[in-house]
Protein backbone atom coordinates (compact mmCIF):
# COMPACT_ATOMS: atom_id res chain seq x y z
CA UNK A 1 207.71 -68.79 45.88
CA UNK A 2 207.07 -65.17 46.60
CA UNK A 3 208.83 -62.22 44.90
CA UNK A 4 210.78 -61.53 47.99
CA UNK A 5 211.12 -64.81 49.67
CA UNK A 6 211.78 -65.33 53.15
CA UNK A 7 215.30 -67.32 53.98
CA UNK A 8 213.26 -70.11 55.16
CA UNK A 9 211.21 -70.27 51.86
CA UNK A 10 214.98 -70.33 50.17
CA UNK A 11 216.29 -72.91 52.05
CA UNK A 12 212.91 -74.97 51.51
CA UNK A 13 213.12 -75.10 48.09
CA UNK A 14 216.83 -75.56 48.07
CA UNK A 15 216.24 -78.75 50.00
CA UNK A 16 212.76 -79.78 48.81
CA UNK A 17 212.33 -79.01 45.14
CA UNK A 18 213.87 -81.07 42.02
CA UNK A 19 213.62 -78.52 39.71
CA UNK A 20 216.56 -76.30 41.91
CA UNK A 21 219.02 -79.56 41.71
CA UNK A 22 220.03 -78.65 37.92
CA UNK A 23 221.43 -75.09 39.36
CA UNK A 24 221.01 -74.15 43.07
CA UNK A 25 223.56 -71.45 42.90
CA UNK A 26 220.86 -68.75 42.76
CA UNK A 27 219.20 -69.69 45.48
CA UNK A 28 222.46 -69.64 47.48
CA UNK A 29 223.42 -66.34 46.49
CA UNK A 30 220.24 -65.37 47.34
CA UNK A 31 219.96 -66.71 50.65
CA UNK A 32 223.53 -65.56 51.12
CA UNK A 33 222.94 -62.08 50.83
CA UNK A 34 219.40 -62.08 52.59
CA UNK A 35 220.70 -64.27 55.41
CA UNK A 36 223.83 -65.98 55.66
CA UNK A 37 223.52 -67.24 59.12
CA UNK A 38 219.74 -67.90 60.11
CA UNK A 39 217.50 -70.14 62.39
CA UNK A 40 214.88 -71.63 60.74
CA UNK A 41 211.65 -71.24 61.81
CA UNK A 42 210.46 -74.93 60.63
CA UNK A 43 213.05 -77.27 62.61
CA UNK A 44 214.95 -74.24 64.49
CA UNK A 45 218.05 -75.24 62.69
CA UNK A 46 220.57 -72.82 61.86
CA UNK A 47 221.73 -72.63 58.22
CA UNK A 48 224.99 -71.27 57.92
CA UNK A 49 226.29 -69.99 53.98
CA UNK A 50 228.92 -67.54 54.17
CA UNK A 51 232.47 -68.60 53.95
CA UNK A 52 234.03 -67.47 56.87
CA UNK A 53 231.37 -69.01 59.64
CA UNK A 54 230.99 -71.88 57.84
CA UNK A 55 234.52 -72.88 57.92
CA UNK A 56 234.62 -71.37 61.11
CA UNK A 57 232.05 -73.52 63.01
CA UNK A 58 233.37 -76.75 60.74
CA UNK A 59 236.54 -76.26 62.63
CA UNK A 60 234.90 -75.27 65.80
CA UNK A 61 235.53 -78.28 68.70
CA UNK A 62 231.97 -77.52 70.47
CA UNK A 63 230.39 -78.36 67.10
CA UNK A 64 230.30 -82.27 66.17
CA UNK A 65 228.05 -85.14 65.64
CA UNK A 66 225.14 -85.54 67.71
CA UNK A 67 224.70 -87.34 70.93
CA UNK A 68 222.92 -90.53 70.81
CA UNK A 69 219.91 -89.55 72.26
CA UNK A 70 216.52 -89.82 70.59
CA UNK A 71 215.35 -86.65 71.62
CA UNK A 72 218.50 -84.60 70.26
CA UNK A 73 218.63 -87.15 66.87
CA UNK A 74 214.68 -85.95 66.09
CA UNK A 75 216.03 -82.24 66.12
CA UNK A 76 217.98 -83.11 63.06
CA UNK A 77 216.38 -82.61 60.18
CA UNK A 78 218.34 -81.23 57.45
CA UNK A 79 221.47 -82.92 56.97
CA UNK A 80 220.51 -86.50 57.48
CA UNK A 81 222.49 -87.23 60.89
CA UNK A 82 219.86 -88.15 62.93
CA UNK A 83 219.32 -91.37 60.45
CA UNK A 84 222.79 -93.00 61.57
CA UNK A 85 223.57 -96.19 63.50
CA UNK A 86 222.02 -96.05 66.98
CA UNK A 87 225.12 -98.47 68.01
CA UNK A 88 227.80 -96.73 69.40
CA UNK A 89 230.43 -99.19 68.18
CA UNK A 90 228.73 -99.29 64.85
CA UNK A 91 229.02 -95.78 63.85
CA UNK A 92 232.24 -94.36 61.51
CA UNK A 93 234.30 -91.54 62.73
CA UNK A 94 232.28 -89.44 60.72
CA UNK A 95 229.90 -90.07 63.56
CA UNK A 96 232.06 -89.97 66.02
CA UNK A 97 233.70 -86.94 68.29
CA UNK A 98 236.86 -86.89 70.44
CA UNK A 99 238.06 -88.08 71.62
CA UNK A 100 236.91 -91.44 70.27
CA UNK A 101 237.31 -89.69 66.80
CA UNK A 102 240.76 -89.19 67.49
CA UNK A 103 241.77 -92.54 67.90
CA UNK A 104 239.85 -93.97 65.16
CA UNK A 105 240.92 -91.89 62.47
CA UNK A 106 244.41 -91.99 63.39
CA UNK A 107 244.38 -95.84 63.36
CA UNK A 108 242.28 -95.70 60.01
CA UNK A 109 244.45 -93.02 58.54
CA UNK A 110 248.03 -94.56 58.96
CA UNK A 111 246.06 -97.26 55.88
CA UNK A 112 245.04 -94.08 53.64
CA UNK A 113 248.47 -92.69 53.72
CA UNK A 114 249.23 -90.15 50.68
CA UNK A 115 251.95 -92.50 49.34
CA UNK A 116 249.50 -95.22 49.48
CA UNK A 117 247.21 -93.00 47.44
CA UNK A 118 249.71 -91.38 45.30
CA UNK A 119 251.02 -95.12 43.98
CA UNK A 120 247.61 -95.61 42.83
CA UNK A 121 248.47 -92.64 39.79
CA UNK A 122 249.98 -95.38 37.20
CA UNK A 123 246.71 -97.64 37.53
CA UNK A 124 244.26 -94.82 37.13
CA UNK A 125 245.97 -93.83 34.36
CA UNK A 126 245.72 -96.93 32.51
CA UNK A 127 242.17 -97.64 33.69
CA UNK A 128 241.17 -93.99 32.57
CA UNK A 129 242.56 -95.10 29.29
CA UNK A 130 240.85 -98.61 29.18
CA UNK A 131 237.40 -96.97 29.83
CA UNK A 132 238.36 -93.95 27.41
CA UNK A 133 238.87 -96.86 24.64
CA UNK A 134 235.72 -98.75 25.44
CA UNK A 135 233.54 -95.34 25.23
CA UNK A 136 235.12 -94.23 21.96
CA UNK A 137 234.77 -90.76 21.96
CA UNK A 138 230.75 -90.95 22.15
CA UNK A 139 228.12 -91.97 24.97
CA UNK A 140 227.06 -91.93 28.64
CA UNK A 141 230.18 -90.63 30.20
CA UNK A 142 228.70 -91.32 34.10
CA UNK A 143 228.28 -95.08 32.90
CA UNK A 144 231.13 -95.41 30.72
CA UNK A 145 233.93 -93.66 33.19
CA UNK A 146 232.63 -91.37 35.72
CA UNK A 147 231.19 -94.21 37.40
CA UNK A 148 233.32 -97.03 37.05
CA UNK A 149 236.75 -95.54 37.20
CA UNK A 150 235.76 -94.16 41.34
CA UNK A 151 234.29 -97.53 41.90
CA UNK A 152 237.11 -99.58 40.74
CA UNK A 153 239.86 -97.45 42.32
CA UNK A 154 238.00 -97.56 45.56
CA UNK A 155 237.60 -101.00 45.04
CA UNK A 156 241.06 -101.54 44.75
CA UNK A 157 242.41 -99.31 47.13
CA UNK A 158 240.02 -101.03 49.96
CA UNK A 159 240.36 -104.70 48.31
CA UNK A 160 237.26 -105.75 47.41
CA UNK A 161 237.72 -108.51 44.34
CA UNK A 162 236.50 -107.28 40.86
CA UNK A 163 233.92 -109.83 40.29
CA UNK A 164 232.51 -108.32 43.17
CA UNK A 165 231.96 -104.77 42.21
CA UNK A 166 228.92 -104.79 39.92
CA UNK A 167 227.20 -106.44 42.70
CA UNK A 168 227.93 -103.98 45.06
CA UNK A 169 227.29 -100.63 42.68
CA UNK A 170 223.30 -100.64 43.54
CA UNK A 171 223.76 -101.20 47.28
CA UNK A 172 226.10 -98.20 47.13
CA UNK A 173 223.52 -96.37 45.52
CA UNK A 174 221.03 -97.22 47.83
CA UNK A 175 223.14 -96.42 50.76
CA UNK A 176 223.42 -92.86 49.78
CA UNK A 177 219.81 -92.15 49.93
CA UNK A 178 220.07 -91.94 53.99
CA UNK A 179 221.97 -88.89 54.06
CA UNK A 180 219.42 -87.32 51.82
CA UNK A 181 217.55 -84.26 54.06
CA UNK A 182 214.30 -85.68 52.25
CA UNK A 183 214.42 -89.11 52.24
CA UNK A 184 211.53 -91.15 52.04
CA UNK A 185 210.81 -93.55 54.71
CA UNK A 186 210.69 -96.20 51.70
CA UNK A 187 214.29 -95.22 50.41
CA UNK A 188 215.20 -95.14 54.30
CA UNK A 189 214.02 -98.45 54.40
CA UNK A 190 216.16 -99.72 51.58
CA UNK A 191 218.88 -98.17 52.78
CA UNK A 192 218.92 -100.04 55.62
CA UNK A 193 218.31 -103.48 53.47
CA UNK A 194 221.25 -102.43 51.79
CA UNK A 195 223.86 -101.67 54.47
CA UNK A 196 222.64 -105.01 55.95
CA UNK A 197 223.70 -106.73 52.75
CA UNK A 198 227.15 -104.66 52.49
CA UNK A 199 228.01 -105.27 56.08
CA UNK A 200 227.58 -109.13 55.55
CA UNK A 201 229.92 -109.03 52.44
CA UNK A 202 232.49 -107.04 54.31
CA UNK A 203 232.47 -109.16 57.16
CA UNK A 204 233.34 -112.06 55.29
CA UNK A 205 235.93 -109.83 53.30
CA UNK A 206 237.72 -109.13 56.48
CA UNK A 207 237.94 -112.63 57.73
CA UNK A 208 239.56 -113.15 53.98
CA UNK A 209 241.81 -110.71 54.80
CA UNK A 210 242.81 -111.57 57.98
CA UNK A 211 243.72 -115.40 56.53
CA UNK A 212 245.12 -113.84 53.32
CA UNK A 213 246.49 -110.21 53.85
CA UNK A 214 247.28 -108.29 50.87
CA UNK A 215 248.61 -104.94 49.91
CA UNK A 216 245.59 -103.37 50.56
CA UNK A 217 243.72 -100.85 52.52
CA UNK A 218 241.85 -103.51 54.45
CA UNK A 219 244.92 -105.62 55.37
CA UNK A 220 246.39 -102.21 56.73
CA UNK A 221 243.25 -101.42 58.56
CA UNK A 222 243.75 -105.22 59.85
CA UNK A 223 247.59 -104.06 61.07
CA UNK A 224 246.92 -100.59 62.08
CA UNK A 225 247.51 -100.15 65.69
CA UNK A 226 249.31 -97.23 68.24
CA UNK A 227 251.16 -99.56 70.96
CA UNK A 228 248.25 -102.01 72.36
CA UNK A 229 245.60 -99.81 70.47
CA UNK A 230 244.03 -101.38 67.11
CA UNK A 231 240.99 -101.10 65.57
CA UNK A 232 237.47 -102.95 67.18
CA UNK A 233 236.07 -105.16 64.41
CA UNK A 234 232.95 -102.99 64.38
CA UNK A 235 235.35 -99.87 64.19
CA UNK A 236 237.11 -101.84 61.17
CA UNK A 237 233.57 -102.51 59.26
CA UNK A 238 232.15 -99.08 59.78
CA UNK A 239 234.95 -97.15 58.57
CA UNK A 240 235.65 -99.56 55.69
CA UNK A 241 232.18 -98.86 54.84
CA UNK A 242 232.12 -95.66 55.05
CA UNK A 243 235.19 -95.15 53.15
CA UNK A 244 234.58 -97.30 50.42
CA UNK A 245 230.63 -96.05 50.02
CA UNK A 246 232.17 -92.66 50.06
CA UNK A 247 234.45 -93.52 46.90
CA UNK A 248 231.72 -93.93 44.81
CA UNK A 249 229.65 -91.35 44.15
CA UNK A 250 231.14 -88.18 45.20
CA UNK A 251 234.10 -88.70 42.88
CA UNK A 252 231.87 -89.75 40.07
CA UNK A 253 229.80 -86.42 40.41
CA UNK A 254 233.35 -84.58 40.52
CA UNK A 255 233.97 -85.89 37.26
CA UNK A 256 230.91 -85.49 35.63
CA UNK A 257 230.72 -81.79 36.92
CA UNK A 258 234.26 -81.10 35.72
CA UNK A 259 232.79 -82.26 32.22
CA UNK A 260 229.73 -80.25 32.35
CA UNK A 261 231.52 -77.21 33.60
CA UNK A 262 234.39 -77.46 30.96
CA UNK A 263 232.26 -78.00 28.06
CA UNK A 264 230.34 -74.72 29.40
CA UNK A 265 233.76 -72.68 29.36
CA UNK A 266 235.54 -73.50 26.41
CA UNK A 267 238.08 -70.57 26.92
CA UNK A 268 239.28 -72.21 30.27
CA UNK A 269 239.57 -76.07 28.51
CA UNK A 270 242.06 -74.08 26.22
CA UNK A 271 243.91 -72.62 29.11
CA UNK A 272 244.26 -75.71 30.58
CA UNK A 273 245.32 -77.49 26.74
CA UNK A 274 247.91 -75.14 26.11
CA UNK A 275 249.15 -75.46 29.67
CA UNK A 276 248.94 -78.84 31.53
CA UNK A 277 250.76 -77.47 34.34
CA UNK A 278 247.19 -75.79 35.52
CA UNK A 279 245.52 -79.57 35.69
CA UNK A 280 245.62 -79.72 39.43
CA UNK A 281 244.27 -75.65 39.54
CA UNK A 282 241.56 -76.56 37.16
CA UNK A 283 240.10 -79.37 39.21
CA UNK A 284 240.73 -77.26 42.55
CA UNK A 285 238.29 -74.28 40.32
CA UNK A 286 235.59 -77.40 39.58
CA UNK A 287 235.56 -77.82 43.21
CA UNK A 288 235.24 -74.60 43.90
CA UNK A 289 232.62 -74.25 41.85
CA UNK A 290 230.88 -76.69 41.24
CA UNK A 291 231.39 -79.46 44.40
CA UNK A 292 229.48 -82.76 44.54
CA UNK A 293 228.83 -82.47 47.87
CA UNK A 294 226.65 -79.25 48.81
CA UNK A 295 225.66 -79.66 52.19
CA UNK A 296 227.63 -80.24 55.86
CA UNK A 297 226.08 -80.49 58.93
CA UNK A 298 227.10 -80.27 62.71
CA UNK A 299 225.54 -80.60 66.42
CA UNK A 300 226.34 -77.86 68.81
CA UNK A 301 227.87 -79.10 72.36
CA UNK A 302 227.77 -75.64 73.97
CA UNK A 303 226.61 -71.69 72.92
CA UNK A 304 228.41 -70.32 70.26
CA UNK A 305 228.86 -66.37 69.95
CA UNK A 306 229.54 -65.68 66.36
CA UNK A 307 228.59 -62.55 64.10
CA UNK A 308 226.57 -61.21 67.10
CA UNK A 309 224.25 -63.72 67.67
CA UNK A 310 224.11 -66.95 69.66
CA UNK A 311 223.96 -70.81 68.54
CA UNK A 312 222.94 -72.17 71.40
CA UNK A 313 223.66 -75.62 73.37
CA UNK A 314 221.77 -78.12 71.61
CA UNK A 315 221.06 -76.49 68.43
CA UNK A 316 221.62 -78.46 64.79
CA UNK A 317 223.35 -76.58 62.21
CA UNK A 318 223.58 -76.85 58.50
CA UNK A 319 226.39 -75.71 56.04
CA UNK A 320 226.02 -74.95 52.79
CA UNK A 321 229.27 -75.92 51.26
CA UNK A 322 228.75 -74.93 47.93
CA UNK A 323 227.30 -71.81 48.68
CA UNK A 324 230.06 -70.59 51.08
CA UNK A 325 232.40 -71.62 48.35
CA UNK A 326 231.21 -68.92 46.06
CA UNK A 327 230.97 -66.19 49.15
CA UNK A 328 232.28 -63.19 46.99
CA UNK A 329 233.98 -62.08 50.44
CA UNK A 330 236.85 -64.57 50.04
CA UNK A 331 236.53 -64.89 46.12
CA UNK A 332 236.47 -62.00 43.29
CA UNK A 333 233.47 -62.78 40.41
CA UNK A 334 232.50 -65.85 41.95
CA UNK A 335 230.19 -67.00 39.86
CA UNK A 336 232.70 -66.93 37.09
CA UNK A 337 234.72 -70.40 36.53
CA UNK A 338 238.45 -68.97 36.31
CA UNK A 339 241.11 -71.72 36.46
CA UNK A 340 244.56 -70.60 38.24
CA UNK A 341 242.73 -68.42 40.97
CA UNK A 342 245.27 -66.33 43.58
CA UNK A 343 242.14 -66.31 45.97
CA UNK A 344 240.88 -69.55 45.91
CA UNK A 345 239.20 -71.34 49.02
CA UNK A 346 237.14 -73.88 49.16
CA UNK A 347 235.08 -75.73 51.46
CA UNK A 348 234.11 -79.06 49.22
CA UNK A 349 235.81 -81.33 51.28
CA UNK A 350 234.48 -79.92 54.66
CA UNK A 351 236.57 -78.49 57.28
CA UNK A 352 238.18 -79.64 60.55
CA UNK A 353 238.56 -82.95 62.30
CA UNK A 354 235.74 -84.46 59.72
CA UNK A 355 237.98 -82.99 56.98
CA UNK A 356 237.05 -85.74 54.13
CA UNK A 357 240.07 -88.77 54.53
CA UNK A 358 239.64 -89.41 50.54
CA UNK A 359 240.21 -85.82 49.10
CA UNK A 360 243.57 -86.69 48.14
CA UNK A 361 242.32 -89.72 46.38
CA UNK A 362 239.31 -87.83 44.60
CA UNK A 363 241.52 -84.76 43.43
CA UNK A 364 244.46 -87.61 42.30
CA UNK A 365 241.37 -88.83 40.26
CA UNK A 366 240.23 -85.88 38.73
CA UNK A 367 243.71 -85.07 37.49
CA UNK A 368 244.42 -87.99 35.67
CA UNK A 369 241.27 -87.69 33.80
CA UNK A 370 241.22 -84.16 32.75
CA UNK A 371 245.05 -85.03 31.36
CA UNK A 372 244.29 -88.08 29.66
CA UNK A 373 240.90 -86.04 27.89
CA UNK A 374 242.86 -83.30 27.28
CA UNK A 375 245.86 -85.71 25.74
CA UNK A 376 243.15 -87.36 23.72
CA UNK A 377 240.42 -85.09 22.36
CA UNK A 378 240.04 -81.52 20.90
CA UNK A 379 236.74 -81.21 21.02
CA UNK A 380 234.03 -81.83 23.55
CA UNK A 381 230.29 -81.63 23.57
CA UNK A 382 227.29 -82.23 25.56
CA UNK A 383 224.63 -83.93 23.10
CA UNK A 384 221.92 -84.13 25.12
CA UNK A 385 220.31 -82.84 28.02
CA UNK A 386 222.01 -84.23 31.36
CA UNK A 387 219.70 -86.30 34.03
CA UNK A 388 220.08 -85.56 37.62
CA UNK A 389 220.06 -87.60 40.39
CA UNK A 390 217.19 -86.06 42.75
CA UNK A 391 219.59 -85.57 45.24
CA UNK A 392 221.16 -82.36 46.86
CA UNK A 393 223.57 -83.26 49.33
CA UNK A 394 225.06 -85.40 46.91
CA UNK A 395 224.84 -83.61 43.76
CA UNK A 396 225.33 -84.75 39.83
CA UNK A 397 224.17 -86.03 36.76
CA UNK A 398 223.45 -89.88 36.62
CA UNK A 399 223.34 -89.63 32.67
CA UNK A 400 225.27 -86.92 30.72
CA UNK A 401 225.92 -87.78 26.98
CA UNK A 402 228.94 -86.29 25.37
CA UNK A 403 231.14 -86.60 22.55
CA UNK A 404 234.94 -86.30 22.23
CA UNK A 405 236.47 -85.69 19.06
């Protein structure tokens, strides 16, 4: 790339260069300064990296999931949206628009309440302590805690038996490749095969829960209704799959990012250690500073005038959430990690009608892990260079060697 890159060169490097993944933030900053809202020459996709425009567009009812049309879908090149299932009844709410989205999310949210999430706090603390005992203060934090904790929490919440969770782990990892903007056809084929296996498994599990309901989300979805309105079998299946898959990698990377960030900022860790009431604020700052989800995409259903330009009907757009989080227009000294900011605003869980349904659960898990780590250990170290997953949409490390003493 040249010393004075164009916006197209910057976004291409962000999305395709594996060397960028450990630290894309300098490129986000350069892109935001050079062109916070622009249309790429390569794909004619709008790229948005400023906070206010990103939030506005994510909330705008004229933006949503792409229409189920091959000509339109072929133009969605940067956010992976074109790779969704073609059968409308097999789409999760992430790929729905109102009124279908409103109906389905309303029913799903009845089984995914803050009360149900908060009831998991003691179980999450117990799981965390067991995993930290097994880690013994040293080893791969991802394999030892950051992956198994959210995997077991979401499994317990959904109602997936403990004996099936290890089998599902690699399948969920394969599935997540389908949302990457640069996924190869081979990776997409593997993701499609994994999707078929997981769906078949969930079909059987739903049948089991119909016959033997329990106090879990899956049983709650089976019972969820609004008068005569209930989730269809396909709607239930697709949305359980969405919730289950989303509960794995995003929180895994949040936990890994949290440990990396605090090791790099020991004074902030000491602040939280001195005042544990800052733990929720500390998790919010991790989410602002280094969120696991970097990118969110939309399709434009009608002309939108914003920032003196018109985003045309039929366009696709990509919001760079991690870049927007560090916009100096809404955050003082945004490149610094500072716990307890008074001006903190984040888009780490998206915004608008597609705001992440699992945000409360992710926050809860991170708060519990931070609390238990602070309670147990005075010194945190990273003992080897982290190994990064070669993915930018959901970004994080796949290995993080640590020593806690």
